Amino acid sequence: MTVQQGSARQIVVYEQGRETPLRLLSEGLDLSPVWAPDGQHLVFGSDVDRGIHNLYWRRADGAGGAHRMTRSQNIQYAASITRDGRLLAYVDIDPRTGSDIWVLPLDLSDPHRPVPGTPRPVLRSAASEDSPAFSPDGRWLAYSSSETGQAEVYVQAVGDERDRWQVSRGGGAAPVWSHDGRQMFYQGPERRVMVVDVAVTAGAVVTSLPRRWAAWSLVEGDGQYAVRDYDPAPDGRRMLLLELAGGPPSGQPRVAMTLLLNFFDELRHLAPAPR
C-alpha cells in the first residue's frame, strides 16, 4: 500500500511480527504497488528517474535495489500480474490518447532479477481505458473504458481483442476478480461495491446482473494513480478498503473496513506448502 508523508508518497508493507511497517523507498515518489505471484516482490510506479513514473521491481522486504522494468516518456502505473508471472498489465498515460492499457511479458526465472520483454498496447484509443485485471487463470482481462461517455467494466480474452463483453450497467470502474474467478467486483455508481457471477460458456463470458456486495459505499479517494482502493480477501468473505479517519460517515456501519491481520499466517492456512 502507499501512504502520504507530507507531500511525498511511500510504499509500506505490513508484515507479521513487525511493530512498524516496512518502508520501501527509492529516491523518488513511489505509487501503485502490485504483488508478484511469489508474494516476495512488488512492481510499482516511481518517478525516481527524470521525474516520470515508470515501472520498477523490488523485493518486498526492502532488500536489494529497485530494478527498472520500463522506459517511457509517459506516466505508467502497475495494475495486475498473471498468477504464472508471465504478463504484467499496466496503464500508460499518453498525452494524445489518454489512459491506455499495455502488457509487459516477464521472465521471472530469477525473480530477484526479472527480465522484461517488449511491451505492447492492448487497448489504445481516444477513450480512457483503465484498471486492467487478469482473471485467476490468466485467460481473461477485465478493465474499464469510457468509450460510451461514462466508465463501464468490460472483459475480453487475453491475446484476442476481437470479442468482449460488458459487465457493468449504469457505470463501473476498478474491477477485481474473486480468488476462484467465479465472481467479479467493481466500483459502481455512488462508489458502491458491486458484484457479478462469472461463467464461461462456449468460449463466451457470461455474467449475472450486477448486485450490491454490501450496504456501505467506498469513501472518496484522491484518485491519483490508484487502480482501486479496495481488495477482497481470498476467502471471499471480507474486503479490505479505505475508511475515513475517525470512522465511517454517519449512516454507514463500522464494518465498512476490515483490516486483514496476520496475513502470512492466513495465507499458509489457505494454501499450505506441499509435503
Protein backbone atom coordinates (compact mmCIF):
# COMPACT_ATOMS: atom_id res chain seq x y z
CA MET A 1 0.00 0.00 0.00
CA THR A 2 1.02 3.65 -0.31
CA VAL A 3 0.86 6.25 2.44
CA GLN A 4 1.09 10.01 2.35
CA GLN A 5 4.03 11.53 4.22
CA GLY A 6 3.74 15.29 3.81
CA SER A 7 3.97 15.91 0.08
CA ALA A 8 5.63 12.52 -0.58
CA ARG A 9 4.18 9.04 -1.02
CA GLN A 10 5.87 5.90 0.20
CA ILE A 11 5.19 2.21 -0.25
CA VAL A 12 4.79 0.30 3.02
CA VAL A 13 4.46 -3.42 3.69
CA TYR A 14 2.85 -4.67 6.89
CA GLU A 15 4.42 -7.95 7.97
CA GLN A 16 3.69 -10.26 10.90
CA GLY A 17 5.98 -9.67 13.86
CA ARG A 18 6.87 -6.10 13.00
CA GLU A 19 5.65 -3.32 15.23
CA THR A 20 6.06 -0.78 12.45
CA PRO A 21 5.51 -1.19 8.72
CA LEU A 22 8.47 -1.75 6.43
CA ARG A 23 9.01 1.19 4.08
CA LEU A 24 10.17 0.56 0.56
CA LEU A 25 11.89 3.74 -0.50
CA SER A 26 13.52 4.86 -3.67
CA GLU A 27 14.82 8.34 -4.28
CA GLY A 28 11.51 9.30 -5.87
CA LEU A 29 7.75 9.24 -5.47
CA ASP A 30 6.50 5.63 -5.42
CA LEU A 31 2.93 4.61 -6.25
CA SER A 32 0.61 1.73 -7.21
CA PRO A 33 2.31 -1.38 -5.73
CA VAL A 34 1.22 -4.77 -7.06
CA TRP A 35 2.25 -8.10 -5.52
CA ALA A 36 4.20 -10.57 -7.63
CA PRO A 37 2.88 -14.17 -7.59
CA ASP A 38 5.63 -15.33 -5.22
CA GLY A 39 4.49 -12.89 -2.51
CA GLN A 40 8.10 -11.76 -2.10
CA HIS A 41 8.33 -9.00 -4.69
CA LEU A 42 6.46 -5.89 -5.75
CA VAL A 43 6.15 -4.00 -9.01
CA PHE A 44 5.33 -0.32 -8.67
CA GLY A 45 5.49 3.08 -10.34
CA SER A 46 8.26 5.52 -9.44
CA ASP A 47 9.45 8.87 -10.72
CA VAL A 48 13.00 8.29 -9.46
CA ASP A 49 14.45 8.85 -12.95
CA ARG A 50 13.70 12.11 -14.79
CA GLY A 51 10.56 12.73 -12.76
CA ILE A 52 8.36 10.45 -14.92
CA HIS A 53 6.58 7.46 -13.36
CA ASN A 54 7.77 4.24 -14.97
CA LEU A 55 7.67 0.69 -13.59
CA TYR A 56 10.15 -0.85 -11.13
CA TRP A 57 10.55 -4.22 -9.37
CA ARG A 58 11.80 -4.76 -5.84
CA ARG A 59 11.85 -7.29 -3.03
CA ALA A 60 9.01 -6.78 -0.56
CA ASP A 61 11.37 -7.00 2.42
CA GLY A 62 13.25 -3.95 1.16
CA ALA A 63 16.50 -5.82 0.47
CA GLY A 64 18.38 -5.05 -2.70
CA GLY A 65 17.77 -2.24 -5.11
CA ALA A 66 14.88 -1.49 -7.44
CA HIS A 67 15.08 -2.93 -10.96
CA ARG A 68 13.73 -0.79 -13.76
CA MET A 69 11.15 -2.57 -15.93
CA THR A 70 10.06 0.05 -18.50
CA ARG A 71 11.37 3.20 -20.13
CA SER A 72 8.81 5.68 -21.41
CA GLN A 73 8.15 9.39 -21.63
CA ASN A 74 4.63 8.66 -20.37
CA ILE A 75 3.39 8.17 -16.80
CA GLN A 76 2.79 4.50 -16.06
CA TYR A 77 1.41 2.54 -13.14
CA ALA A 78 1.16 -1.18 -12.47
CA ALA A 79 -2.20 -2.93 -12.28
CA SER A 80 -2.16 -6.74 -12.44
CA ILE A 81 0.15 -9.75 -12.88
CA THR A 82 -0.92 -13.20 -14.06
CA ARG A 83 -0.51 -15.97 -11.49
CA ASP A 84 2.19 -17.62 -13.59
CA GLY A 85 4.10 -14.32 -13.60
CA ARG A 86 4.37 -14.17 -17.37
CA LEU A 87 2.39 -11.00 -18.03
CA LEU A 88 2.10 -7.63 -16.29
CA ALA A 89 -0.79 -5.34 -17.21
CA TYR A 90 -0.28 -1.63 -16.63
CA VAL A 91 -1.71 1.76 -17.55
CA ASP A 92 0.23 4.14 -19.79
CA ILE A 93 -0.98 7.75 -19.87
CA ASP A 94 -0.34 9.11 -23.35
CA PRO A 95 -0.83 12.87 -23.95
CA ARG A 96 -2.52 12.03 -27.28
CA THR A 97 -4.82 9.15 -26.32
CA GLY A 98 -5.12 9.43 -22.52
CA SER A 99 -5.09 6.31 -20.35
CA ASP A 100 -4.24 3.16 -22.33
CA ILE A 101 -3.72 -0.46 -21.28
CA TRP A 102 -0.45 -2.20 -22.09
CA VAL A 103 1.02 -5.60 -21.21
CA LEU A 104 4.65 -6.43 -20.47
CA PRO A 105 5.95 -10.02 -20.84
CA LEU A 106 8.11 -11.10 -17.91
CA ASP A 107 10.83 -13.70 -17.46
CA LEU A 108 10.92 -14.50 -13.74
CA SER A 109 13.37 -17.40 -13.92
CA ASP A 110 15.35 -15.37 -11.40
CA PRO A 111 12.67 -13.36 -9.55
CA HIS A 112 15.34 -11.21 -7.93
CA ARG A 113 16.44 -10.06 -11.37
CA PRO A 114 13.38 -10.11 -13.63
CA VAL A 115 13.86 -9.73 -17.38
CA PRO A 116 11.15 -7.62 -19.05
CA GLY A 117 10.14 -8.34 -22.64
CA THR A 118 8.82 -5.93 -25.24
CA PRO A 119 5.68 -4.09 -24.05
CA ARG A 120 2.68 -3.92 -26.36
CA PRO A 121 -0.58 -1.96 -26.27
CA VAL A 122 -3.77 -3.92 -25.67
CA LEU A 123 -6.31 -1.07 -25.57
CA ARG A 124 -5.27 2.26 -27.02
CA SER A 125 -7.91 4.71 -28.19
CA ALA A 126 -9.30 8.19 -27.62
CA ALA A 127 -11.39 6.75 -24.77
CA SER A 128 -9.94 6.30 -21.28
CA GLU A 129 -9.05 2.66 -20.67
CA ASP A 130 -8.08 1.88 -17.10
CA SER A 131 -7.79 -0.65 -14.24
CA PRO A 132 -6.83 -3.87 -16.08
CA ALA A 133 -7.21 -7.04 -14.00
CA PHE A 134 -6.26 -10.56 -15.08
CA SER A 135 -8.56 -13.44 -14.17
CA PRO A 136 -7.04 -16.08 -11.84
CA ASP A 137 -6.48 -18.48 -14.76
CA GLY A 138 -4.87 -15.74 -16.86
CA ARG A 139 -7.30 -16.22 -19.75
CA TRP A 140 -9.34 -13.04 -19.34
CA LEU A 141 -8.70 -9.35 -18.81
CA ALA A 142 -11.25 -7.10 -17.11
CA TYR A 143 -10.92 -3.32 -17.42
CA SER A 144 -12.89 -0.09 -17.57
CA SER A 145 -13.45 2.09 -20.64
CA SER A 146 -15.16 5.46 -21.13
CA GLU A 147 -15.97 4.95 -24.81
CA THR A 148 -19.72 5.29 -24.24
CA GLY A 149 -19.28 8.59 -22.41
CA GLN A 150 -19.08 7.05 -18.93
CA ALA A 151 -16.81 4.40 -17.46
CA GLU A 152 -18.09 0.82 -17.79
CA VAL A 153 -16.44 -2.51 -16.97
CA TYR A 154 -15.69 -4.96 -19.79
CA VAL A 155 -13.92 -8.31 -20.11
CA GLN A 156 -12.09 -9.82 -23.08
CA ALA A 157 -9.80 -12.74 -23.82
CA VAL A 158 -6.09 -12.22 -23.21
CA GLY A 159 -4.34 -12.03 -26.57
CA ASP A 160 -7.60 -11.73 -28.54
CA GLU A 161 -9.20 -8.31 -28.64
CA ARG A 162 -11.92 -9.22 -31.17
CA ASP A 163 -14.63 -10.24 -28.71
CA ARG A 164 -15.52 -8.61 -25.42
CA TRP A 165 -18.44 -8.49 -23.03
CA GLN A 166 -19.84 -5.65 -20.93
CA VAL A 167 -20.05 -6.44 -17.23
CA SER A 168 -21.34 -3.28 -15.52
CA ARG A 169 -24.62 -1.46 -16.06
CA GLY A 170 -25.04 2.26 -15.48
CA GLY A 171 -21.37 2.87 -14.79
CA GLY A 172 -18.45 0.88 -13.42
CA ALA A 173 -14.72 1.05 -12.72
CA ALA A 174 -11.83 -0.65 -10.89
CA PRO A 175 -12.74 -4.34 -11.45
CA VAL A 176 -11.16 -7.17 -9.47
CA TRP A 177 -11.76 -10.93 -9.66
CA SER A 178 -12.57 -13.21 -6.76
CA HIS A 179 -9.84 -15.70 -5.86
CA ASP A 180 -11.63 -18.56 -7.68
CA GLY A 181 -12.62 -16.47 -10.72
CA ARG A 182 -16.31 -17.13 -10.28
CA GLN A 183 -17.16 -13.57 -9.34
CA MET A 184 -16.03 -10.09 -10.26
CA PHE A 185 -16.26 -6.98 -8.09
CA TYR A 186 -16.23 -3.41 -9.32
CA GLN A 187 -16.94 0.11 -8.19
CA GLY A 188 -20.42 1.10 -9.32
CA PRO A 189 -22.44 4.33 -9.17
CA GLU A 190 -22.18 6.30 -5.92
CA ARG A 191 -18.98 4.33 -5.16
CA ARG A 192 -20.91 1.17 -4.32
CA VAL A 193 -19.07 -2.15 -4.42
CA MET A 194 -20.92 -4.28 -6.97
CA VAL A 195 -20.52 -7.98 -7.74
CA VAL A 196 -21.46 -10.25 -10.65
CA ASP A 197 -21.25 -14.00 -11.05
CA VAL A 198 -18.98 -15.09 -13.91
CA ALA A 199 -19.12 -18.20 -16.10
CA VAL A 200 -17.56 -19.16 -19.43
CA THR A 201 -19.87 -20.91 -21.88
CA ALA A 202 -18.74 -21.96 -25.36
CA GLY A 203 -15.84 -19.54 -25.19
CA ALA A 204 -18.05 -16.60 -24.18
CA VAL A 205 -18.05 -14.81 -20.83
CA VAL A 206 -21.50 -14.83 -19.22
CA THR A 207 -22.18 -12.62 -16.20
CA SER A 208 -25.18 -12.21 -13.94
CA LEU A 209 -26.95 -8.93 -13.39
CA PRO A 210 -24.89 -6.70 -11.08
CA ARG A 211 -25.90 -6.55 -7.42
CA ARG A 212 -24.54 -4.68 -4.40
CA TRP A 213 -21.96 -6.64 -2.44
CA ALA A 214 -22.57 -4.67 0.77
CA ALA A 215 -24.81 -1.91 2.08
CA TRP A 216 -21.96 0.59 2.53
CA SER A 217 -20.12 2.57 -0.12
CA LEU A 218 -16.44 3.34 -0.62
CA VAL A 219 -15.08 6.63 0.66
CA GLU A 220 -13.77 9.17 -1.83
CA GLY A 221 -10.08 8.56 -2.56
CA ASP A 222 -7.66 11.00 -4.12
CA GLY A 223 -7.81 9.18 -7.43
CA GLN A 224 -4.12 9.69 -8.23
CA TYR A 225 -2.63 6.69 -10.00
CA ALA A 226 -4.57 4.22 -7.89
CA VAL A 227 -6.06 1.18 -9.59
CA ARG A 228 -8.59 0.66 -6.80
CA ASP A 229 -8.92 1.36 -3.08
CA TYR A 230 -10.43 -1.99 -2.06
CA ASP A 231 -9.47 -5.66 -2.31
CA PRO A 232 -11.33 -8.89 -1.48
CA ALA A 233 -9.70 -11.45 0.79
CA PRO A 234 -9.01 -14.90 -0.70
CA ASP A 235 -11.86 -16.43 1.33
CA GLY A 236 -14.36 -14.11 -0.38
CA ARG A 237 -15.96 -13.11 2.93
CA ARG A 238 -14.06 -9.96 3.73
CA MET A 239 -12.97 -6.81 2.00
CA LEU A 240 -10.02 -4.54 2.72
CA LEU A 241 -10.78 -0.91 1.88
CA LEU A 242 -10.11 2.67 2.77
CA GLU A 243 -12.07 4.30 5.57
CA LEU A 244 -12.25 7.91 6.61
CA ALA A 245 -10.00 8.79 9.54
CA GLY A 246 -12.09 8.83 12.72
CA GLY A 247 -14.54 6.22 11.49
CA PRO A 248 -17.18 5.92 8.78
CA PRO A 249 -19.53 8.78 7.97
CA SER A 250 -22.98 8.95 9.53
CA GLY A 251 -25.28 6.20 8.35
CA GLN A 252 -22.50 3.73 7.48
CA PRO A 253 -21.69 0.90 9.90
CA ARG A 254 -18.20 0.45 11.31
CA VAL A 255 -17.84 -2.81 9.41
CA ALA A 256 -17.13 -0.65 6.36
CA MET A 257 -13.49 -1.57 6.83
CA THR A 258 -11.94 -4.92 7.57
CA LEU A 259 -8.22 -4.96 8.27
CA LEU A 260 -6.71 -8.37 7.50
CA LEU A 261 -4.06 -9.02 10.14
CA ASN A 262 -1.52 -11.87 10.29
CA PHE A 263 -1.81 -12.17 6.54
CA PHE A 264 1.04 -14.62 6.06
CA ASP A 265 -0.35 -17.00 8.69
CA GLU A 266 -3.70 -16.93 6.91
CA LEU A 267 -2.05 -17.48 3.55
CA ARG A 268 -0.21 -20.55 4.86
CA HIS A 269 -3.52 -21.84 6.28
CA LEU A 270 -5.36 -21.41 2.98
CA ALA A 271 -2.54 -22.72 0.81
CA PRO A 272 -0.24 -24.95 2.90
CA ALA A 273 3.10 -25.93 1.45
CA PRO A 274 3.14 -29.39 -0.20
CA ARG A 275 4.62 -32.21 1.85
